[in-house]
């Protein structure tokens, strides 16, 4: 149980920072906004699951949230620079 709590805390911090760092690339605005919206919704769901004590679903949701951010960065929908600590960009 402690291990999942540690991983969950790590991903909440990582994903929160990543959401704040994302800058939408104008030529891909529609796709970028869709991915960012999904990431924010899954992040919110993760917080909800955590508040209910459902750590497994919380972890799943926060990992999905971050995956949407990584996908947007890899596809060039988000400008994240070369930040390979928050995103899979290299």
N, C-alpha and C. Protein backbone atom coordinates (compact mmCIF):
# COMPACT_ATOMS: atom_id res chain seq x y z
N UNK A 1 0.83 -1.20 0.00
CA UNK A 1 0.00 0.00 0.00
C UNK A 1 0.87 1.25 0.00
N UNK A 2 1.95 1.23 0.76
CA UNK A 2 2.82 2.40 0.83
C UNK A 2 3.47 2.67 -0.53
N UNK A 3 3.81 1.61 -1.26
CA UNK A 3 4.46 1.78 -2.56
C UNK A 3 3.53 2.50 -3.54
N UNK A 4 2.27 2.13 -3.59
CA UNK A 4 1.35 2.79 -4.52
C UNK A 4 1.11 4.25 -4.09
N UNK A 5 1.10 4.52 -2.80
CA UNK A 5 0.94 5.89 -2.32
C UNK A 5 2.13 6.75 -2.76
N UNK A 6 3.33 6.19 -2.70
CA UNK A 6 4.52 6.92 -3.12
C UNK A 6 4.50 7.19 -4.63
N UNK A 7 4.14 6.17 -5.40
CA UNK A 7 4.06 6.35 -6.85
C UNK A 7 2.97 7.34 -7.21
N UNK A 8 1.87 7.28 -6.52
CA UNK A 8 0.76 8.21 -6.77
C UNK A 8 1.18 9.64 -6.48
N UNK A 9 1.84 9.85 -5.37
CA UNK A 9 2.32 11.20 -5.03
C UNK A 9 3.30 11.70 -6.08
N UNK A 10 4.19 10.82 -6.54
CA UNK A 10 5.17 11.19 -7.57
C UNK A 10 4.46 11.61 -8.85
N UNK A 11 3.48 10.83 -9.29
CA UNK A 11 2.79 11.15 -10.54
C UNK A 11 1.88 12.36 -10.41
N UNK A 12 1.30 12.58 -9.25
CA UNK A 12 0.51 13.80 -9.06
C UNK A 12 1.40 15.03 -9.22
N UNK A 13 2.58 14.99 -8.62
CA UNK A 13 3.49 16.13 -8.72
C UNK A 13 3.99 16.31 -10.15
N UNK A 14 4.43 15.23 -10.77
CA UNK A 14 4.95 15.26 -12.13
C UNK A 14 3.89 15.77 -13.12
N UNK A 15 2.70 15.24 -13.02
CA UNK A 15 1.64 15.59 -13.96
C UNK A 15 1.13 17.00 -13.73
N UNK A 16 1.06 17.42 -12.50
CA UNK A 16 0.66 18.79 -12.19
C UNK A 16 1.63 19.79 -12.83
N UNK A 17 2.92 19.53 -12.68
CA UNK A 17 3.94 20.40 -13.28
C UNK A 17 3.84 20.37 -14.80
N UNK A 18 3.61 19.20 -15.36
CA UNK A 18 3.52 19.07 -16.81
C UNK A 18 2.31 19.83 -17.36
N UNK A 19 1.18 19.74 -16.69
CA UNK A 19 -0.02 20.48 -17.13
C UNK A 19 0.27 21.97 -17.16
N UNK A 20 0.97 22.46 -16.15
CA UNK A 20 1.29 23.89 -16.08
C UNK A 20 2.27 24.32 -17.17
N UNK A 21 3.15 23.43 -17.57
CA UNK A 21 4.21 23.78 -18.53
C UNK A 21 3.72 23.77 -19.98
N UNK A 22 2.70 22.98 -20.29
CA UNK A 22 2.23 22.82 -21.66
C UNK A 22 1.85 24.17 -22.27
N UNK A 23 2.37 24.39 -23.48
CA UNK A 23 1.96 25.54 -24.29
C UNK A 23 1.42 24.98 -25.60
N UNK A 24 0.23 25.40 -25.96
CA UNK A 24 -0.42 24.90 -27.17
C UNK A 24 0.25 25.49 -28.40
N UNK A 25 0.54 24.64 -29.38
CA UNK A 25 1.06 25.08 -30.68
C UNK A 25 -0.13 25.49 -31.51
N UNK A 26 -0.13 26.73 -31.95
CA UNK A 26 -1.31 27.33 -32.59
C UNK A 26 -1.82 26.53 -33.78
N UNK A 27 -0.95 26.03 -34.62
CA UNK A 27 -1.42 25.32 -35.81
C UNK A 27 -2.12 24.00 -35.48
N UNK A 28 -1.97 23.55 -34.24
CA UNK A 28 -2.63 22.31 -33.79
C UNK A 28 -3.59 22.59 -32.63
N UNK A 29 -4.10 23.80 -32.58
CA UNK A 29 -4.90 24.24 -31.44
C UNK A 29 -6.02 23.24 -31.09
N UNK A 30 -6.83 22.83 -32.05
CA UNK A 30 -7.98 21.96 -31.76
C UNK A 30 -7.53 20.64 -31.13
N UNK A 31 -6.57 19.98 -31.76
CA UNK A 31 -6.09 18.70 -31.23
C UNK A 31 -5.43 18.88 -29.86
N UNK A 32 -4.65 19.95 -29.73
CA UNK A 32 -3.95 20.21 -28.48
C UNK A 32 -4.94 20.48 -27.35
N UNK A 33 -5.95 21.29 -27.63
CA UNK A 33 -6.96 21.58 -26.60
C UNK A 33 -7.69 20.31 -26.19
N UNK A 34 -7.99 19.43 -27.15
CA UNK A 34 -8.66 18.17 -26.83
C UNK A 34 -7.80 17.30 -25.91
N UNK A 35 -6.52 17.17 -26.25
CA UNK A 35 -5.62 16.35 -25.42
C UNK A 35 -5.42 16.96 -24.04
N UNK A 36 -5.27 18.26 -23.99
CA UNK A 36 -5.09 18.92 -22.69
C UNK A 36 -6.34 18.78 -21.84
N UNK A 37 -7.50 18.90 -22.45
CA UNK A 37 -8.76 18.72 -21.72
C UNK A 37 -8.86 17.30 -21.16
N UNK A 38 -8.52 16.31 -21.97
CA UNK A 38 -8.54 14.92 -21.49
C UNK A 38 -7.57 14.74 -20.32
N UNK A 39 -6.37 15.30 -20.46
CA UNK A 39 -5.37 15.18 -19.38
C UNK A 39 -5.90 15.79 -18.09
N UNK A 40 -6.50 16.97 -18.19
CA UNK A 40 -7.02 17.64 -16.99
C UNK A 40 -8.18 16.85 -16.38
N UNK A 41 -9.03 16.29 -17.22
CA UNK A 41 -10.16 15.50 -16.70
C UNK A 41 -9.69 14.23 -15.99
N UNK A 42 -8.73 13.54 -16.60
CA UNK A 42 -8.20 12.34 -15.95
C UNK A 42 -7.46 12.69 -14.66
N UNK A 43 -6.76 13.82 -14.66
CA UNK A 43 -6.09 14.27 -13.44
C UNK A 43 -7.11 14.53 -12.34
N UNK A 44 -8.20 15.19 -12.70
CA UNK A 44 -9.28 15.45 -11.73
C UNK A 44 -9.90 14.14 -11.24
N UNK A 45 -10.11 13.21 -12.16
CA UNK A 45 -10.64 11.90 -11.76
C UNK A 45 -9.69 11.21 -10.79
N UNK A 46 -8.40 11.31 -11.06
CA UNK A 46 -7.41 10.69 -10.18
C UNK A 46 -7.51 11.25 -8.76
N UNK A 47 -7.64 12.57 -8.66
CA UNK A 47 -7.79 13.21 -7.35
C UNK A 47 -9.06 12.72 -6.66
N UNK A 48 -10.14 12.58 -7.43
CA UNK A 48 -11.40 12.09 -6.87
C UNK A 48 -11.24 10.67 -6.33
N UNK A 49 -10.63 9.79 -7.14
CA UNK A 49 -10.42 8.41 -6.69
C UNK A 49 -9.56 8.37 -5.43
N UNK A 50 -8.52 9.21 -5.40
CA UNK A 50 -7.66 9.24 -4.22
C UNK A 50 -8.46 9.65 -2.99
N UNK A 51 -9.32 10.64 -3.14
CA UNK A 51 -10.10 11.11 -1.99
C UNK A 51 -11.05 10.04 -1.47
N UNK A 52 -11.42 9.10 -2.33
CA UNK A 52 -12.30 7.99 -1.94
C UNK A 52 -11.51 6.78 -1.43
N UNK A 53 -10.18 6.90 -1.45
CA UNK A 53 -9.34 5.80 -0.99
C UNK A 53 -9.10 4.73 -2.05
N UNK A 54 -9.51 5.00 -3.29
CA UNK A 54 -9.34 4.06 -4.39
C UNK A 54 -8.03 4.38 -5.10
N UNK A 55 -6.94 3.92 -4.50
CA UNK A 55 -5.61 4.28 -4.98
C UNK A 55 -5.25 3.63 -6.31
N UNK A 56 -5.76 2.45 -6.56
CA UNK A 56 -5.46 1.77 -7.82
C UNK A 56 -6.04 2.56 -9.00
N UNK A 57 -7.30 2.93 -8.91
CA UNK A 57 -7.91 3.72 -9.98
C UNK A 57 -7.33 5.13 -10.04
N UNK A 58 -6.95 5.68 -8.91
CA UNK A 58 -6.31 7.00 -8.89
C UNK A 58 -5.00 6.94 -9.67
N UNK A 59 -4.21 5.91 -9.42
CA UNK A 59 -2.94 5.75 -10.12
C UNK A 59 -3.17 5.56 -11.62
N UNK A 60 -4.12 4.72 -11.96
CA UNK A 60 -4.43 4.51 -13.38
C UNK A 60 -4.83 5.80 -14.07
N UNK A 61 -5.66 6.59 -13.43
CA UNK A 61 -6.14 7.84 -14.03
C UNK A 61 -5.03 8.87 -14.17
N UNK A 62 -4.18 8.99 -13.18
CA UNK A 62 -3.10 9.99 -13.28
C UNK A 62 -2.07 9.57 -14.34
N UNK A 63 -1.85 8.29 -14.49
CA UNK A 63 -0.94 7.82 -15.54
C UNK A 63 -1.54 8.08 -16.92
N UNK A 64 -2.83 7.87 -17.07
CA UNK A 64 -3.51 8.21 -18.33
C UNK A 64 -3.38 9.71 -18.60
N UNK A 65 -3.59 10.52 -17.58
CA UNK A 65 -3.48 11.98 -17.75
C UNK A 65 -2.11 12.34 -18.30
N UNK A 66 -1.08 11.76 -17.71
CA UNK A 66 0.27 12.09 -18.17
C UNK A 66 0.52 11.54 -19.57
N UNK A 67 -0.05 10.41 -19.89
CA UNK A 67 0.13 9.85 -21.22
C UNK A 67 -0.44 10.77 -22.30
N UNK A 68 -1.58 11.41 -22.03
CA UNK A 68 -2.13 12.37 -22.98
C UNK A 68 -1.18 13.54 -23.18
N UNK A 69 -0.55 13.98 -22.12
CA UNK A 69 0.42 15.09 -22.23
C UNK A 69 1.64 14.66 -23.03
N UNK A 70 2.13 13.46 -22.76
CA UNK A 70 3.28 12.95 -23.52
C UNK A 70 2.94 12.81 -25.00
N UNK A 71 1.75 12.30 -25.29
CA UNK A 71 1.34 12.14 -26.69
C UNK A 71 1.29 13.50 -27.39
N UNK A 72 0.70 14.48 -26.74
CA UNK A 72 0.64 15.83 -27.32
C UNK A 72 2.01 16.41 -27.56
N UNK A 73 2.92 16.18 -26.64
CA UNK A 73 4.28 16.69 -26.79
C UNK A 73 4.98 15.98 -27.95
N UNK A 74 4.86 14.67 -28.03
CA UNK A 74 5.50 13.90 -29.09
C UNK A 74 4.96 14.23 -30.47
N UNK A 75 3.67 14.52 -30.53
CA UNK A 75 3.03 14.85 -31.82
C UNK A 75 3.28 16.30 -32.24
N UNK A 76 3.86 17.08 -31.34
CA UNK A 76 4.13 18.48 -31.65
C UNK A 76 2.94 19.40 -31.43
N UNK A 77 1.92 18.90 -30.73
CA UNK A 77 0.74 19.72 -30.42
C UNK A 77 1.03 20.67 -29.27
N UNK A 78 1.95 20.28 -28.40
CA UNK A 78 2.36 21.09 -27.25
C UNK A 78 3.82 21.48 -27.42
N UNK A 79 4.11 22.71 -27.09
CA UNK A 79 5.50 23.15 -27.03
C UNK A 79 5.95 22.97 -25.59
N UNK A 80 6.85 22.04 -25.39
CA UNK A 80 7.38 21.78 -24.05
C UNK A 80 8.90 21.92 -24.02
N UNK A 81 9.44 22.47 -25.11
CA UNK A 81 10.88 22.59 -25.21
C UNK A 81 11.52 21.22 -25.26
N UNK A 82 12.64 21.09 -24.62
CA UNK A 82 13.34 19.79 -24.60
C UNK A 82 13.28 19.19 -23.19
N UNK A 83 12.20 19.48 -22.48
CA UNK A 83 12.07 19.02 -21.09
C UNK A 83 11.79 17.52 -21.05
N UNK A 84 12.86 16.74 -20.95
CA UNK A 84 12.69 15.30 -20.90
C UNK A 84 12.55 14.76 -19.47
N UNK A 85 12.40 15.66 -18.52
CA UNK A 85 12.10 15.24 -17.14
C UNK A 85 10.60 15.13 -16.93
N UNK A 86 9.85 16.00 -17.61
CA UNK A 86 8.39 15.97 -17.48
C UNK A 86 7.70 15.28 -18.64
N UNK A 87 8.38 15.19 -19.78
CA UNK A 87 7.75 14.66 -21.00
C UNK A 87 8.67 13.68 -21.71
N UNK A 88 8.09 12.79 -22.49
CA UNK A 88 8.86 11.86 -23.32
C UNK A 88 9.13 12.53 -24.66
N UNK A 89 10.14 13.39 -24.72
CA UNK A 89 10.40 14.15 -25.94
C UNK A 89 11.74 13.84 -26.58
N UNK A 90 12.46 12.87 -26.09
CA UNK A 90 13.72 12.56 -26.77
C UNK A 90 13.81 11.11 -27.15
